[in-house]
Amino acid sequence: MKPVIYITIAAGLLAACSQEPAQTLQSQGDIVTEFAPDDLPGPVQAAVSAAMPDMTVQEVLRKERDERVYFDVEGERADGSEIELDILYADGVAEVVEIQRDLAWSDVPATVREAAQSAGAGEPVRIIESVQTDGSIIYELFAEGQPSDPAMEVKTSDGQVEVLAERWPH
């Protein structure tokens, strides 16, 4: 082989081994870094595989919030439905803390819609259903012109419905 080929191969290997994130952004006090799906730490990859074995990862964001590190792993299930796993990552341990999907307002349970409307919410422009590890569900309701943070969150657990006064920690 000629030296030019060695240099080309070496440059390609260095580029392939680079674990540099694509981009780092600031958002609502969070530090958000885009990652390639193949650059996920091993424990995070294992948590994704265990929670959603049929998921194809399409996008990964690493978020630092309130001294916690999360990986938001978005993708598609085998049936074509979109899903996001929020994974808390600390001391080399990855734990799925939420499984999220978007819902239409008509697909939200009537008790949740009624609680939100009683608390003064209009029809949201986006709804995220976040299933928690304890079995409770948080419905994040987004208002027109406020895409970053939910205008209201409603929690259901053991048949009880509660409009949350403070933002859910995850």
Protein backbone atom coordinates (compact mmCIF):
# COMPACT_ATOMS: atom_id res chain seq x y z
CA MET A 1 0.00 0.00 0.00
CA LYS A 2 1.05 3.55 -0.62
CA PRO A 3 1.41 6.09 2.24
CA VAL A 4 -1.63 8.07 0.99
CA ILE A 5 -3.84 5.03 1.54
CA TYR A 6 -2.54 4.61 5.11
CA ILE A 7 -3.28 8.26 5.86
CA THR A 8 -6.78 7.96 4.41
CA ILE A 9 -7.51 4.82 6.42
CA ALA A 10 -6.12 6.40 9.61
CA ALA A 11 -8.20 9.56 9.10
CA GLY A 12 -11.30 7.46 8.55
CA LEU A 13 -10.68 5.42 11.69
CA LEU A 14 -10.17 8.55 13.77
CA ALA A 15 -13.39 10.05 12.46
CA ALA A 16 -15.32 6.84 13.12
CA CYS A 17 -13.99 6.57 16.67
CA SER A 18 -14.78 10.17 17.54
CA GLN A 19 -17.38 10.39 20.29
CA GLU A 20 -17.85 14.13 19.87
CA PRO A 21 -21.48 15.18 20.12
CA ALA A 22 -23.01 16.79 17.08
CA GLN A 23 -24.09 20.00 18.81
CA THR A 24 -24.60 21.48 22.29
CA LEU A 25 -27.49 23.87 22.96
CA GLN A 26 -28.87 25.79 25.97
CA SER A 27 -32.62 25.36 26.53
CA GLN A 28 -34.64 26.60 29.53
CA GLY A 29 -31.61 26.22 31.81
CA ASP A 30 -30.86 22.74 30.48
CA ILE A 31 -27.67 21.92 28.62
CA VAL A 32 -28.74 19.85 25.63
CA THR A 33 -26.28 17.89 23.49
CA GLU A 34 -27.19 15.98 20.35
CA PHE A 35 -25.69 12.50 20.06
CA ALA A 36 -25.54 9.97 17.27
CA PRO A 37 -27.49 6.82 18.25
CA ASP A 38 -24.30 4.75 17.98
CA ASP A 39 -22.57 7.00 20.55
CA LEU A 40 -24.89 6.09 23.45
CA PRO A 41 -23.04 4.83 26.54
CA GLY A 42 -23.34 1.04 26.92
CA PRO A 43 -25.61 1.15 30.00
CA VAL A 44 -28.02 3.51 28.18
CA GLN A 45 -28.09 1.22 25.13
CA ALA A 46 -28.82 -1.75 27.42
CA ALA A 47 -31.68 0.16 29.12
CA VAL A 48 -33.22 0.99 25.73
CA SER A 49 -32.98 -2.64 24.59
CA ALA A 50 -34.50 -3.94 27.81
CA ALA A 51 -37.41 -1.47 27.83
CA MET A 52 -38.22 -1.46 24.08
CA PRO A 53 -36.51 -4.30 22.25
CA ASP A 54 -38.39 -3.50 19.02
CA MET A 55 -37.35 0.17 18.99
CA THR A 56 -35.20 1.65 16.25
CA VAL A 57 -33.37 4.66 17.71
CA GLN A 58 -33.53 7.72 15.47
CA GLU A 59 -32.48 10.65 17.66
CA VAL A 60 -30.68 11.10 20.97
CA LEU A 61 -30.41 14.17 23.18
CA ARG A 62 -28.34 14.30 26.35
CA LYS A 63 -29.78 16.79 28.83
CA GLU A 64 -28.23 18.15 31.99
CA ARG A 65 -30.96 19.49 34.29
CA ASP A 66 -30.80 20.30 37.99
CA GLU A 67 -27.52 18.37 38.39
CA ARG A 68 -29.05 15.27 36.72
CA VAL A 69 -28.15 13.76 33.36
CA TYR A 70 -30.83 12.35 31.09
CA PHE A 71 -30.76 10.77 27.68
CA ASP A 72 -33.90 11.38 25.63
CA VAL A 73 -33.94 8.52 23.16
CA GLU A 74 -36.48 8.89 20.35
CA GLY A 75 -37.39 6.30 17.81
CA GLU A 76 -39.93 4.06 16.21
CA ARG A 77 -41.36 0.74 17.27
CA ALA A 78 -41.82 -2.16 14.88
CA ASP A 79 -45.50 -1.18 14.40
CA GLY A 80 -44.41 2.29 13.21
CA SER A 81 -45.49 4.16 16.35
CA GLU A 82 -43.18 6.86 17.65
CA ILE A 83 -41.85 6.59 21.18
CA GLU A 84 -39.37 8.33 23.46
CA LEU A 85 -37.56 6.91 26.46
CA ASP A 86 -36.25 9.30 29.10
CA ILE A 87 -33.30 7.66 30.79
CA LEU A 88 -31.69 8.96 33.98
CA TYR A 89 -27.94 8.32 33.87
CA ALA A 90 -25.88 8.52 37.06
CA ASP A 91 -22.67 6.83 38.19
CA GLY A 92 -22.62 4.57 35.13
CA VAL A 93 -26.18 3.32 35.77
CA ALA A 94 -29.02 3.97 33.33
CA GLU A 95 -32.66 3.85 34.45
CA VAL A 96 -35.70 4.39 32.23
CA VAL A 97 -37.80 6.92 34.16
CA GLU A 98 -40.44 7.71 31.52
CA ILE A 99 -41.85 6.22 28.36
CA GLN A 100 -43.46 8.94 26.28
CA ARG A 101 -45.68 9.23 23.25
CA ASP A 102 -47.79 11.96 21.70
CA LEU A 103 -51.57 11.64 21.90
CA ALA A 104 -54.52 13.39 20.34
CA TRP A 105 -56.73 15.27 22.82
CA SER A 106 -59.55 12.85 22.01
CA ASP A 107 -57.33 9.92 23.09
CA VAL A 108 -56.67 11.38 26.55
CA PRO A 109 -58.90 9.79 29.24
CA ALA A 110 -62.07 11.79 29.90
CA THR A 111 -61.18 12.20 33.60
CA VAL A 112 -57.89 13.89 32.64
CA ARG A 113 -59.60 16.17 30.10
CA GLU A 114 -62.24 17.14 32.69
CA ALA A 115 -59.61 17.89 35.37
CA ALA A 116 -57.60 20.04 32.95
CA GLN A 117 -60.67 21.96 31.80
CA SER A 118 -61.81 22.48 35.41
CA ALA A 119 -58.37 23.96 36.14
CA GLY A 120 -58.79 26.44 33.29
CA ALA A 121 -56.95 24.73 30.46
CA GLY A 122 -58.22 25.10 26.93
CA GLU A 123 -57.68 22.38 24.36
CA PRO A 124 -53.91 21.82 24.17
CA VAL A 125 -52.03 21.89 20.87
CA ARG A 126 -49.85 18.98 21.95
CA ILE A 127 -50.23 16.23 24.55
CA ILE A 128 -47.43 13.96 25.73
CA GLU A 129 -48.34 10.88 27.73
CA SER A 130 -45.47 9.97 30.09
CA VAL A 131 -45.74 6.55 31.72
CA GLN A 132 -43.67 6.49 34.92
CA THR A 133 -41.86 3.51 36.41
CA ASP A 134 -44.34 3.40 39.30
CA GLY A 135 -47.26 2.98 36.86
CA SER A 136 -48.56 6.52 37.19
CA ILE A 137 -49.06 8.59 34.05
CA ILE A 138 -48.28 12.28 33.59
CA TYR A 139 -50.12 14.08 30.78
CA GLU A 140 -48.12 17.10 29.64
CA LEU A 141 -50.44 19.66 28.03
CA PHE A 142 -48.87 22.28 25.76
CA ALA A 143 -50.53 25.58 24.88
CA GLU A 144 -50.30 27.47 21.59
CA GLY A 145 -47.01 29.39 21.35
CA GLN A 146 -45.40 27.55 24.28
CA PRO A 147 -43.60 24.57 22.73
CA SER A 148 -40.82 24.22 25.33
CA ASP A 149 -42.67 23.66 28.59
CA PRO A 150 -46.11 22.23 29.29
CA ALA A 151 -48.74 24.78 30.33
CA MET A 152 -50.20 22.15 32.66
CA GLU A 153 -49.47 18.61 33.83
CA VAL A 154 -52.09 16.15 35.02
CA LYS A 155 -51.15 12.99 36.92
CA THR A 156 -53.18 9.79 37.11
CA SER A 157 -52.35 7.08 39.60
CA ASP A 158 -54.46 4.31 41.11
CA GLY A 159 -57.63 5.82 39.66
CA GLN A 160 -56.92 9.28 41.08
CA VAL A 161 -56.50 12.36 38.88
CA GLU A 162 -54.51 15.38 40.03
CA VAL A 163 -53.57 18.64 38.31
CA LEU A 164 -49.96 19.19 39.38
CA ALA A 165 -48.99 22.51 40.98
CA GLU A 166 -45.31 21.99 40.17
CA ARG A 167 -43.56 20.54 37.15
CA TRP A 168 -42.89 16.78 37.34
CA PRO A 169 -39.18 16.22 38.07
CA HIS A 170 -38.41 14.11 35.00
